[in-house]
PDB file of N, CA and C in Angstrom:
ATOM      1  N   MET A   1      85.542 107.114 100.084  1.00  0.00           N
ATOM      2  CA  MET A   1      86.819 107.731 101.119  1.00  0.00           C
ATOM      3  C   MET A   1      87.982 108.155 100.303  1.00  0.00           C
ATOM      4  N   ASN A   2      88.480 109.441 101.219  1.00  0.00           N
ATOM      5  CA  ASN A   2      89.480 110.220 100.804  1.00  0.00           C
ATOM      6  C   ASN A   2      90.343 109.965 101.949  1.00  0.00           C
ATOM      7  N   SER A   3      90.457 109.674 103.279  1.00  0.00           N
ATOM      8  CA  SER A   3      91.190 109.641 104.020  1.00  0.00           C
ATOM      9  C   SER A   3      90.985 108.663 105.044  1.00  0.00           C
ATOM     10  N   LEU A   4      92.306 107.961 105.390  1.00  0.00           N
ATOM     11  CA  LEU A   4      91.882 106.584 106.823  1.00  0.00           C
ATOM     12  C   LEU A   4      92.980 107.142 107.652  1.00  0.00           C
ATOM     13  N   SER A   5      92.197 106.866 108.944  1.00  0.00           N
ATOM     14  CA  SER A   5      93.647 106.900 110.162  1.00  0.00           C
ATOM     15  C   SER A   5      93.451 105.519 110.258  1.00  0.00           C
ATOM     16  N   LEU A   6      94.496 104.808 110.480  1.00  0.00           N
ATOM     17  CA  LEU A   6      95.038 103.290 111.467  1.00  0.00           C
ATOM     18  C   LEU A   6      95.734 103.714 112.715  1.00  0.00           C
ATOM     19  N   ASP A   7      95.526 104.470 113.811  1.00  0.00           N
ATOM     20  CA  ASP A   7      96.276 104.781 114.305  1.00  0.00           C
ATOM     21  C   ASP A   7      96.364 103.852 115.701  1.00  0.00           C
ATOM     22  N   TYR A   8      97.798 103.871 116.482  1.00  0.00           N
ATOM     23  CA  TYR A   8      97.721 103.306 117.730  1.00  0.00           C
ATOM     24  C   TYR A   8      97.049 101.812 117.649  1.00  0.00           C
ATOM     25  N   GLY A   9      98.332 101.530 117.852  1.00  0.00           N
ATOM     26  CA  GLY A   9      98.420 100.137 117.674  1.00  0.00           C
ATOM     27  C   GLY A   9      97.831  99.022 116.774  1.00  0.00           C
ATOM     28  N   TRP A  10      97.999  99.099 116.122  1.00  0.00           N
ATOM     29  CA  TRP A  10      96.982  98.795 114.329  1.00  0.00           C
ATOM     30  C   TRP A  10      97.163  97.212 114.251  1.00  0.00           C
ATOM     31  N   GLY A  11      98.812  97.102 114.479  1.00  0.00           N
ATOM     32  CA  GLY A  11      99.387  95.702 114.128  1.00  0.00           C
ATOM     33  C   GLY A  11     100.746  95.390 113.961  1.00  0.00           C
ATOM     34  N   ASN A  12     101.258  94.666 113.085  1.00  0.00           N
ATOM     35  CA  ASN A  12     102.147  94.094 112.575  1.00  0.00           C
ATOM     36  C   ASN A  12     102.388  94.357 110.922  1.00  0.00           C
ATOM     37  N   ASN A  13     101.510  94.719 110.812  1.00  0.00           N
ATOM     38  CA  ASN A  13     101.740  94.462 109.093  1.00  0.00           C
ATOM     39  C   ASN A  13     100.457  94.888 108.764  1.00  0.00           C
ATOM     40  N   LEU A  14     100.630  96.003 107.504  1.00  0.00           N
ATOM     41  CA  LEU A  14      99.118  96.655 107.058  1.00  0.00           C
ATOM     42  C   LEU A  14      98.653  95.569 105.843  1.00  0.00           C
ATOM     43  N   PRO A  15      96.766  95.277 106.025  1.00  0.00           N
ATOM     44  CA  PRO A  15      97.037  94.303 104.902  1.00  0.00           C
ATOM     45  C   PRO A  15      97.303  94.426 103.372  1.00  0.00           C
ATOM     46  N   ALA A  16      97.233  93.522 102.742  1.00  0.00           N
ATOM     47  CA  ALA A  16      97.745  94.302 101.272  1.00  0.00           C
ATOM     48  C   ALA A  16      96.648  94.831 100.641  1.00  0.00           C
ATOM     49  N   GLU A  17      95.282  94.730 100.708  1.00  0.00           N
ATOM     50  CA  GLU A  17      94.005  95.269 100.091  1.00  0.00           C
ATOM     51  C   GLU A  17      94.094  96.479 101.115  1.00  0.00           C
ATOM     52  N   ILE A  18      94.867  97.383 101.340  1.00  0.00           N
ATOM     53  CA  ILE A  18      94.633  98.776 101.315  1.00  0.00           C
ATOM     54  C   ILE A  18      95.473  99.331 100.023  1.00  0.00           C
ATOM     55  N   GLY A  19      95.761  98.642  99.186  1.00  0.00           N
ATOM     56  CA  GLY A  19      96.313  99.054  97.833  1.00  0.00           C
ATOM     57  C   GLY A  19      95.092  99.353  97.235  1.00  0.00           C
ATOM     58  N   ASP A  20      93.444  98.333  97.609  1.00  0.00           N
ATOM     59  CA  ASP A  20      92.500  98.707  96.870  1.00  0.00           C
ATOM     60  C   ASP A  20      91.484  99.758  97.080  1.00  0.00           C
ATOM     61  N   PHE A  21      92.228 100.803  97.814  1.00  0.00           N
ATOM     62  CA  PHE A  21      91.753 102.408  98.212  1.00  0.00           C
ATOM     63  C   PHE A  21      92.212 102.891  97.404  1.00  0.00           C
ATOM     64  N   LYS A  22      92.110 102.853  96.117  1.00  0.00           N
ATOM     65  CA  LYS A  22      92.656 103.813  94.663  1.00  0.00           C
ATOM     66  C   LYS A  22      92.434 105.298  95.459  1.00  0.00           C
ATOM     67  N   HIS A  23      91.541 105.638  95.469  1.00  0.00           N
ATOM     68  CA  HIS A  23      91.364 107.322  95.551  1.00  0.00           C
ATOM     69  C   HIS A  23      91.501 107.410  96.868  1.00  0.00           C
ATOM     70  N   LEU A  24      91.840 107.121  97.516  1.00  0.00           N
ATOM     71  CA  LEU A  24      92.691 107.868  98.862  1.00  0.00           C
ATOM     72  C   LEU A  24      93.633 108.670  98.614  1.00  0.00           C
ATOM     73  N   LYS A  25      93.909 110.022  99.154  1.00  0.00           N
ATOM     74  CA  LYS A  25      94.476 110.915  99.470  1.00  0.00           C
ATOM     75  C   LYS A  25      95.095 110.932 101.125  1.00  0.00           C
ATOM     76  N   LYS A  26      94.842 111.085 101.907  1.00  0.00           N
ATOM     77  CA  LYS A  26      95.232 110.818 103.279  1.00  0.00           C
ATOM     78  C   LYS A  26      95.198 109.304 103.680  1.00  0.00           C
ATOM     79  N   LEU A  27      96.976 109.360 104.762  1.00  0.00           N
ATOM     80  CA  LEU A  27      96.497 107.522 105.353  1.00  0.00           C
ATOM     81  C   LEU A  27      97.238 108.510 106.196  1.00  0.00           C
ATOM     82  N   HIS A  28      97.165 107.730 107.888  1.00  0.00           N
ATOM     83  CA  HIS A  28      97.691 108.249 108.867  1.00  0.00           C
ATOM     84  C   HIS A  28      97.734 106.891 109.456  1.00  0.00           C
ATOM     85  N   LEU A  29      99.197 106.176 110.007  1.00  0.00           N
ATOM     86  CA  LEU A  29      99.569 105.351 110.602  1.00  0.00           C
ATOM     87  C   LEU A  29     100.332 105.532 111.938  1.00  0.00           C
ATOM     88  N   PHE A  30      99.747 107.082 112.614  1.00  0.00           N
ATOM     89  CA  PHE A  30     100.577 107.050 114.173  1.00  0.00           C
ATOM     90  C   PHE A  30     100.540 105.932 115.353  1.00  0.00           C
ATOM     91  N   TYR A  31     101.634 106.089 115.721  1.00  0.00           N
ATOM     92  CA  TYR A  31     101.732 105.434 116.882  1.00  0.00           C
ATOM     93  C   TYR A  31     101.588 103.394 116.628  1.00  0.00           C
ATOM     94  N   ASN A  32     102.162 103.709 115.497  1.00  0.00           N
ATOM     95  CA  ASN A  32     101.973 101.721 115.341  1.00  0.00           C
ATOM     96  C   ASN A  32     103.499 101.410 115.409  1.00  0.00           C
ATOM     97  N   GLY A  33     103.984 100.639 116.822  1.00  0.00           N
ATOM     98  CA  GLY A  33     105.480 100.370 116.890  1.00  0.00           C
ATOM     99  C   GLY A  33     105.473  99.565 116.628  1.00  0.00           C
ATOM    100  N   TRP A  34     104.648  98.563 116.306  1.00  0.00           N
ATOM    101  CA  TRP A  34     105.066  97.045 115.722  1.00  0.00           C
ATOM    102  C   TRP A  34     105.083  97.265 114.013  1.00  0.00           C
ATOM    103  N   LEU A  35     104.801  98.301 113.541  1.00  0.00           N
ATOM    104  CA  LEU A  35     104.268  97.776 111.860  1.00  0.00           C
ATOM    105  C   LEU A  35     106.029  98.491 111.795  1.00  0.00           C
ATOM    106  N   LYS A  36     106.322  97.312 110.802  1.00  0.00           N
ATOM    107  CA  LYS A  36     107.976  97.938 110.017  1.00  0.00           C
ATOM    108  C   LYS A  36     108.113  98.143 108.674  1.00  0.00           C
ATOM    109  N   GLU A  37     107.190  97.488 107.797  1.00  0.00           N
ATOM    110  CA  GLU A  37     107.264  97.761 106.950  1.00  0.00           C
ATOM    111  C   GLU A  37     105.455  97.750 105.940  1.00  0.00           C
ATOM    112  N   LEU A  38     105.499  98.422 104.750  1.00  0.00           N
ATOM    113  CA  LEU A  38     104.108  98.448 103.993  1.00  0.00           C
ATOM    114  C   LEU A  38     104.619  97.240 103.161  1.00  0.00           C
ATOM    115  N   PRO A  39     103.208  97.047 102.879  1.00  0.00           N
ATOM    116  CA  PRO A  39     103.063  96.052 101.707  1.00  0.00           C
ATOM    117  C   PRO A  39     102.995  97.062 100.307  1.00  0.00           C
ATOM    118  N   PRO A  40     103.824  96.112  99.370  1.00  0.00           N
ATOM    119  CA  PRO A  40     103.929  96.844  98.352  1.00  0.00           C
ATOM    120  C   PRO A  40     102.591  96.886  97.642  1.00  0.00           C
ATOM    121  N   GLU A  41     101.879  96.857  98.084  1.00  0.00           N
ATOM    122  CA  GLU A  41     100.492  97.249  97.689  1.00  0.00           C
ATOM    123  C   GLU A  41     100.020  99.005  97.470  1.00  0.00           C
ATOM    124  N   ILE A  42     100.866  99.328  98.352  1.00  0.00           N
ATOM    125  CA  ILE A  42     100.651 100.694  98.797  1.00  0.00           C
ATOM    126  C   ILE A  42     101.020 101.505  97.691  1.00  0.00           C
ATOM    127  N   GLY A  43     101.560 101.365  97.019  1.00  0.00           N
ATOM    128  CA  GLY A  43     101.966 101.543  95.616  1.00  0.00           C
ATOM    129  C   GLY A  43     100.744 102.025  94.640  1.00  0.00           C
ATOM    130  N   ASN A  44      99.633 101.064  94.587  1.00  0.00           N
ATOM    131  CA  ASN A  44      98.408 101.421  93.983  1.00  0.00           C
ATOM    132  C   ASN A  44      97.610 102.382  94.639  1.00  0.00           C
ATOM    133  N   LEU A  45      98.159 103.018  95.239  1.00  0.00           N
ATOM    134  CA  LEU A  45      97.334 104.531  96.160  1.00  0.00           C
ATOM    135  C   LEU A  45      98.073 105.467  95.006  1.00  0.00           C
ATOM    136  N   THR A  46      97.932 105.751  93.866  1.00  0.00           N
ATOM    137  CA  THR A  46      97.761 106.869  93.108  1.00  0.00           C
ATOM    138  C   THR A  46      97.500 108.055  93.421  1.00  0.00           C
ATOM    139  N   GLU A  47      96.644 108.171  94.111  1.00  0.00           N
ATOM    140  CA  GLU A  47      96.052 109.614  94.475  1.00  0.00           C
ATOM    141  C   GLU A  47      96.567 110.066  95.836  1.00  0.00           C
ATOM    142  N   LEU A  48      97.619 108.708  96.350  1.00  0.00           N
ATOM    143  CA  LEU A  48      97.771 109.507  97.750  1.00  0.00           C
ATOM    144  C   LEU A  48      98.607 110.945  98.105  1.00  0.00           C
ATOM    145  N   GLU A  49      98.472 111.703  98.813  1.00  0.00           N
ATOM    146  CA  GLU A  49      99.183 112.859  98.772  1.00  0.00           C
ATOM    147  C   GLU A  49      99.910 112.885 100.489  1.00  0.00           C
ATOM    148  N   GLU A  50      99.359 112.295 101.226  1.00  0.00           N
ATOM    149  CA  GLU A  50      99.879 112.147 102.267  1.00  0.00           C
ATOM    150  C   GLU A  50      99.856 111.504 103.147  1.00  0.00           C
ATOM    151  N   LEU A  51     100.820 110.744 103.562  1.00  0.00           N
ATOM    152  CA  LEU A  51     101.206 109.426 104.413  1.00  0.00           C
ATOM    153  C   LEU A  51     102.123 110.043 105.705  1.00  0.00           C
ATOM    154  N   LEU A  52     101.430 109.523 106.870  1.00  0.00           N
ATOM    155  CA  LEU A  52     102.048 110.067 108.211  1.00  0.00           C
ATOM    156  C   LEU A  52     102.368 108.596 108.802  1.00  0.00           C
ATOM    157  N   LEU A  53     103.747 109.051 108.935  1.00  0.00           N
ATOM    158  CA  LEU A  53     103.903 107.516 110.373  1.00  0.00           C
ATOM    159  C   LEU A  53     104.409 108.197 111.703  1.00  0.00           C
ATOM    160  N   PHE A  54     103.873 109.368 111.790  1.00  0.00           N
ATOM    161  CA  PHE A  54     104.453 109.410 113.178  1.00  0.00           C
ATOM    162  C   PHE A  54     104.444 108.325 114.365  1.00  0.00           C
ATOM    163  N   GLY A  55     105.402 108.515 115.061  1.00  0.00           N
ATOM    164  CA  GLY A  55     105.410 107.294 116.321  1.00  0.00           C
ATOM    165  C   GLY A  55     105.286 105.580 115.395  1.00  0.00           C
ATOM    166  N   SER A  56     105.796 105.774 114.653  1.00  0.00           N
ATOM    167  CA  SER A  56     105.420 104.264 113.289  1.00  0.00           C
ATOM    168  C   SER A  56     107.089 103.678 113.502  1.00  0.00           C
ATOM    169  N   ARG A  57     107.318 102.609 113.395  1.00  0.00           N
ATOM    170  CA  ARG A  57     108.850 101.940 113.706  1.00  0.00           C
ATOM    171  C   ARG A  57     108.988 101.711 111.540  1.00  0.00           C
ATOM    172  N   VAL A  58     108.268 102.511 110.738  1.00  0.00           N
ATOM    173  CA  VAL A  58     108.522 101.814 109.385  1.00  0.00           C
ATOM    174  C   VAL A  58     110.010 102.136 108.795  1.00  0.00           C
ATOM    175  N   GLU A  59     110.531 101.033 108.567  1.00  0.00           N
ATOM    176  CA  GLU A  59     111.764 101.329 107.766  1.00  0.00           C
ATOM    177  C   GLU A  59     112.293 101.520 106.523  1.00  0.00           C
ATOM    178  N   VAL A  60     111.453 101.081 105.698  1.00  0.00           N
ATOM    179  CA  VAL A  60     111.345 100.710 104.452  1.00  0.00           C
ATOM    180  C   VAL A  60     110.211 101.313 103.360  1.00  0.00           C
ATOM    181  N   LEU A  61     110.524 102.231 102.450  1.00  0.00           N
ATOM    182  CA  LEU A  61     108.997 102.275 102.038  1.00  0.00           C
ATOM    183  C   LEU A  61     108.876 101.812 100.617  1.00  0.00           C
ATOM    184  N   PRO A  62     107.876 101.057 100.305  1.00  0.00           N
ATOM    185  CA  PRO A  62     108.122  99.704  99.080  1.00  0.00           C
ATOM    186  C   PRO A  62     108.481 100.961  98.289  1.00  0.00           C
ATOM    187  N   ARG A  63     109.046 100.484  96.964  1.00  0.00           N
ATOM    188  CA  ARG A  63     109.546 101.161  95.398  1.00  0.00           C
ATOM    189  C   ARG A  63     107.893 101.433  94.678  1.00  0.00           C
ATOM    190  N   ARG A  64     108.001 102.236  94.552  1.00  0.00           N
ATOM    191  CA  ARG A  64     106.631 102.380  93.472  1.00  0.00           C
ATOM    192  C   ARG A  64     107.160 102.834  92.287  1.00  0.00           C
ATOM    193  N   ASP A  65     106.956 102.296  91.073  1.00  0.00           N
ATOM    194  CA  ASP A  65     107.364 102.151  89.146  1.00  0.00           C
ATOM    195  C   ASP A  65     106.793 103.011  89.085  1.00  0.00           C
ATOM    196  N   ARG A  66     106.725 104.064  88.646  1.00  0.00           N
ATOM    197  CA  ARG A  66     106.147 105.320  87.982  1.00  0.00           C
ATOM    198  C   ARG A  66     106.630 105.222  86.742  1.00  0.00           C
ATOM    199  N   LYS A  67     105.435 105.132  85.755  1.00  0.00           N
ATOM    200  CA  LYS A  67     105.388 105.222  83.973  1.00  0.00           C
ATOM    201  C   LYS A  67     106.157 106.386  83.622  1.00  0.00           C
ATOM    202  N   PRO A  68     106.466 106.348  82.600  1.00  0.00           N
ATOM    203  CA  PRO A  68     107.451 107.584  82.019  1.00  0.00           C
ATOM    204  C   PRO A  68     106.253 108.544  81.839  1.00  0.00           C
ATOM    205  N   ASP A  69     105.971 109.960  81.917  1.00  0.00           N
ATOM    206  CA  ASP A  69     105.517 110.966  81.138  1.00  0.00           C
ATOM    207  C   ASP A  69     105.150 111.033  80.042  1.00  0.00           C
ATOM    208  N   LYS A  70     103.994 110.738  79.171  1.00  0.00           N
ATOM    209  CA  LYS A  70     103.908 110.941  77.948  1.00  0.00           C
ATOM    210  C   LYS A  70     103.870 111.944  77.791  1.00  0.00           C
ATOM    211  N   THR A  71     104.972 112.759  76.262  1.00  0.00           N
ATOM    212  CA  THR A  71     104.992 113.894  76.225  1.00  0.00           C
ATOM    213  C   THR A  71     104.867 114.552  74.584  1.00  0.00           C
TER     214      THR A  71
END
């Protein structure tokens, strides 16, 4: 699976297991008015290219620590 849409009233929190979808490229969370934060495990989605939060109330995105590029 490379795309996941959890739109319209998913709830007030996203399960930490979202981080298990390592190859996810698109995550849509439209109109989730109770969703105010994303779990830190979302940082495990290293291939994520698109995160759409339109109509959601997410106030803070978790910090993702990046490993320095090796030259």
